[in-house]
């Protein structure tokens, strides 16, 4: 079926915890995910600084186009971190919008 081939291309929202009377409080969940978000943002900012420091001369002894490869690898790492950061933001938004729980 065509839709089966298309569906994997559409990114699904991450599964967020659902507030309930027997579960973790909204406040505790928000604090946990906000801390994770803050730490991840710090890591992203630190690696962004590293992007500016990727100097081609640091890869000359290795020869070839290792600098370009290293830069491409670095950009892939950044994309992955950004993806995780976006997931966390989505989870935070979902939790924040929920009513109920404790």
C-alpha atoms as a PDB file:
ATOM      1  CA  UNK A   1       0.000   0.000   0.000  1.00  0.00           C
ATOM      2  CA  UNK A   2       1.215   3.506  -0.794  1.00  0.00           C
ATOM      3  CA  UNK A   3       0.362   4.921   2.642  1.00  0.00           C
ATOM      4  CA  UNK A   4       2.563   2.294   4.310  1.00  0.00           C
ATOM      5  CA  UNK A   5       5.516   3.652   2.374  1.00  0.00           C
ATOM      6  CA  UNK A   6       4.654   7.258   3.184  1.00  0.00           C
ATOM      7  CA  UNK A   7       3.892   6.959   6.898  1.00  0.00           C
ATOM      8  CA  UNK A   8       7.485   6.361   8.055  1.00  0.00           C
ATOM      9  CA  UNK A   9       8.460   9.665   6.454  1.00  0.00           C
ATOM     10  CA  UNK A  10       6.082  11.568   8.737  1.00  0.00           C
ATOM     11  CA  UNK A  11       7.636  12.180  12.134  1.00  0.00           C
ATOM     12  CA  UNK A  12       5.353  11.134  14.952  1.00  0.00           C
ATOM     13  CA  UNK A  13       5.210  13.206  18.099  1.00  0.00           C
ATOM     14  CA  UNK A  14       7.025  11.595  21.015  1.00  0.00           C
ATOM     15  CA  UNK A  15       4.908   9.786  23.564  1.00  0.00           C
ATOM     16  CA  UNK A  16       4.514  12.002  26.619  1.00  0.00           C
ATOM     17  CA  UNK A  17       3.563  10.896  30.115  1.00  0.00           C
ATOM     18  CA  UNK A  18      -0.136  11.224  30.870  1.00  0.00           C
ATOM     19  CA  UNK A  19      -1.087  12.884  34.118  1.00  0.00           C
ATOM     20  CA  UNK A  20      -3.170  10.742  36.434  1.00  0.00           C
ATOM     21  CA  UNK A  21      -4.021  10.633  40.126  1.00  0.00           C
ATOM     22  CA  UNK A  22      -1.616   7.733  40.803  1.00  0.00           C
ATOM     23  CA  UNK A  23       1.263   9.064  38.721  1.00  0.00           C
ATOM     24  CA  UNK A  24       4.005  11.594  39.089  1.00  0.00           C
ATOM     25  CA  UNK A  25       2.845  15.155  39.683  1.00  0.00           C
ATOM     26  CA  UNK A  26       2.715  17.629  36.830  1.00  0.00           C
ATOM     27  CA  UNK A  27       5.175  19.845  38.693  1.00  0.00           C
ATOM     28  CA  UNK A  28       7.722  17.027  39.079  1.00  0.00           C
ATOM     29  CA  UNK A  29       7.393  15.988  35.432  1.00  0.00           C
ATOM     30  CA  UNK A  30       7.804  19.562  34.244  1.00  0.00           C
ATOM     31  CA  UNK A  31      10.868  20.072  36.456  1.00  0.00           C
ATOM     32  CA  UNK A  32      12.465  16.855  35.173  1.00  0.00           C
ATOM     33  CA  UNK A  33      11.893  17.629  31.490  1.00  0.00           C
ATOM     34  CA  UNK A  34      12.852  21.312  31.907  1.00  0.00           C
ATOM     35  CA  UNK A  35      16.156  20.301  33.492  1.00  0.00           C
ATOM     36  CA  UNK A  36      16.826  17.856  30.655  1.00  0.00           C
ATOM     37  CA  UNK A  37      15.951  20.574  28.140  1.00  0.00           C
ATOM     38  CA  UNK A  38      18.277  23.085  29.806  1.00  0.00           C
ATOM     39  CA  UNK A  39      21.201  20.642  29.940  1.00  0.00           C
ATOM     40  CA  UNK A  40      20.717  19.622  26.328  1.00  0.00           C
ATOM     41  CA  UNK A  41      20.569  23.260  25.250  1.00  0.00           C
ATOM     42  CA  UNK A  42      23.877  23.824  27.087  1.00  0.00           C
ATOM     43  CA  UNK A  43      25.414  20.883  25.216  1.00  0.00           C
ATOM     44  CA  UNK A  44      24.140  22.215  21.890  1.00  0.00           C
ATOM     45  CA  UNK A  45      25.569  25.668  22.626  1.00  0.00           C
ATOM     46  CA  UNK A  46      28.925  24.165  23.617  1.00  0.00           C
ATOM     47  CA  UNK A  47      29.076  22.120  20.419  1.00  0.00           C
ATOM     48  CA  UNK A  48      28.077  25.154  18.361  1.00  0.00           C
ATOM     49  CA  UNK A  49      31.183  26.870  19.702  1.00  0.00           C
ATOM     50  CA  UNK A  50      33.176  23.830  18.595  1.00  0.00           C
ATOM     51  CA  UNK A  51      31.757  24.240  15.079  1.00  0.00           C
ATOM     52  CA  UNK A  52      33.599  27.531  14.812  1.00  0.00           C
ATOM     53  CA  UNK A  53      36.802  25.879  16.015  1.00  0.00           C
ATOM     54  CA  UNK A  54      36.833  23.082  13.444  1.00  0.00           C
ATOM     55  CA  UNK A  55      39.936  24.252  11.642  1.00  0.00           C
ATOM     56  CA  UNK A  56      41.068  22.541   8.456  1.00  0.00           C
ATOM     57  CA  UNK A  57      44.712  22.889   9.558  1.00  0.00           C
ATOM     58  CA  UNK A  58      43.987  20.554  12.486  1.00  0.00           C
ATOM     59  CA  UNK A  59      43.359  17.773   9.978  1.00  0.00           C
ATOM     60  CA  UNK A  60      46.274  18.386   7.570  1.00  0.00           C
ATOM     61  CA  UNK A  61      48.494  15.650   9.063  1.00  0.00           C
ATOM     62  CA  UNK A  62      45.752  13.108   8.309  1.00  0.00           C
ATOM     63  CA  UNK A  63      45.624  14.074   4.658  1.00  0.00           C
ATOM     64  CA  UNK A  64      42.735  13.778   2.246  1.00  0.00           C
ATOM     65  CA  UNK A  65      39.470  15.490   2.935  1.00  0.00           C
ATOM     66  CA  UNK A  66      39.218  14.520   6.601  1.00  0.00           C
ATOM     67  CA  UNK A  67      38.359  18.090   7.567  1.00  0.00           C
ATOM     68  CA  UNK A  68      35.245  18.027   5.379  1.00  0.00           C
ATOM     69  CA  UNK A  69      34.317  14.593   6.728  1.00  0.00           C
ATOM     70  CA  UNK A  70      34.849  15.725  10.329  1.00  0.00           C
ATOM     71  CA  UNK A  71      32.699  18.794   9.701  1.00  0.00           C
ATOM     72  CA  UNK A  72      29.936  16.662   8.139  1.00  0.00           C
ATOM     73  CA  UNK A  73      30.068  14.289  11.128  1.00  0.00           C
ATOM     74  CA  UNK A  74      29.834  17.242  13.490  1.00  0.00           C
ATOM     75  CA  UNK A  75      26.816  18.629  11.660  1.00  0.00           C
ATOM     76  CA  UNK A  76      25.110  15.211  11.876  1.00  0.00           C
ATOM     77  CA  UNK A  77      25.715  15.171  15.633  1.00  0.00           C
ATOM     78  CA  UNK A  78      24.171  18.622  15.875  1.00  0.00           C
ATOM     79  CA  UNK A  79      21.103  17.487  13.907  1.00  0.00           C
ATOM     80  CA  UNK A  80      20.642  14.540  16.258  1.00  0.00           C
ATOM     81  CA  UNK A  81      20.896  16.728  19.331  1.00  0.00           C
ATOM     82  CA  UNK A  82      18.447  19.195  17.826  1.00  0.00           C
ATOM     83  CA  UNK A  83      16.025  16.351  17.133  1.00  0.00           C
ATOM     84  CA  UNK A  84      16.187  15.211  20.765  1.00  0.00           C
ATOM     85  CA  UNK A  85      15.763  18.809  21.926  1.00  0.00           C
ATOM     86  CA  UNK A  86      12.649  19.193  19.754  1.00  0.00           C
ATOM     87  CA  UNK A  87      11.241  15.938  21.176  1.00  0.00           C
ATOM     88  CA  UNK A  88      11.736  17.224  24.711  1.00  0.00           C
ATOM     89  CA  UNK A  89      10.042  20.511  23.824  1.00  0.00           C
ATOM     90  CA  UNK A  90       7.094  18.567  22.428  1.00  0.00           C
ATOM     91  CA  UNK A  91       6.858  16.480  25.608  1.00  0.00           C
ATOM     92  CA  UNK A  92       6.993  19.606  27.764  1.00  0.00           C
ATOM     93  CA  UNK A  93       4.251  21.246  25.725  1.00  0.00           C
ATOM     94  CA  UNK A  94       2.084  18.125  25.983  1.00  0.00           C
ATOM     95  CA  UNK A  95       2.512  17.854  29.767  1.00  0.00           C
ATOM     96  CA  UNK A  96       1.900  21.567  30.230  1.00  0.00           C
ATOM     97  CA  UNK A  97      -1.383  21.423  28.310  1.00  0.00           C
ATOM     98  CA  UNK A  98      -2.737  18.469  30.282  1.00  0.00           C
ATOM     99  CA  UNK A  99      -5.321  18.855  33.013  1.00  0.00           C
ATOM    100  CA  UNK A 100      -5.832  16.504  35.933  1.00  0.00           C
ATOM    101  CA  UNK A 101      -3.332  14.330  37.711  1.00  0.00           C
ATOM    102  CA  UNK A 102      -1.931  15.557  40.929  1.00  0.00           C
END
